[in-house]
C-alpha cells in the first residue's frame, strides 16, 4: 500500500514504518473516516487496544490487517469519548464494549454499550489504575 493513502486518512498524523507494521499516531484522528477508508482499501479490523492515561483519557489503538500487512492507528479519547466505528465495522462492537467496561471510555453512536465482561456491580472503567488498588 502506498503510504499516501494512509497520510490522507490522517493528514496531521505521525507515520512510522516498524517491523510489526505501519503506525499512525494522531490525537485528532477522525475514526469514522479512518474506518470507512480502511474498509474501502480492503483492510479488516483485527482488534483494538485501550490504555488508561493519567489524565482520565484513554489511548485507543485500532489494528487493521490485510494481505500480511498491519496498519495501526493510535489516538485518544477527547473528554472521555470517541465516535463508535461499530456502525461502519461491525467487528468493533464487542471490542468497544470491552474498552468501555475496562477503562470507562465512551463510544458515541454505539448501538449498545451494555456491559459485556464486567459484573453489573462494578462501574465502567474498573481497570483504570486508580480503581485497581
Foldseek 3Di string as FASTA:
>chain_A
DPCVLVCVQPVVWDWDQDPQAIETEDQPGQVQSVLQSCVVVPKAFPAKDWDQDPVLKIKIKTWIDDPHHIYIYIYIADVLEHADNCVVHVVCQVRQLVCCQQQVRYHPPRPDSPHDPDDPVDHGNCNHPVNVD
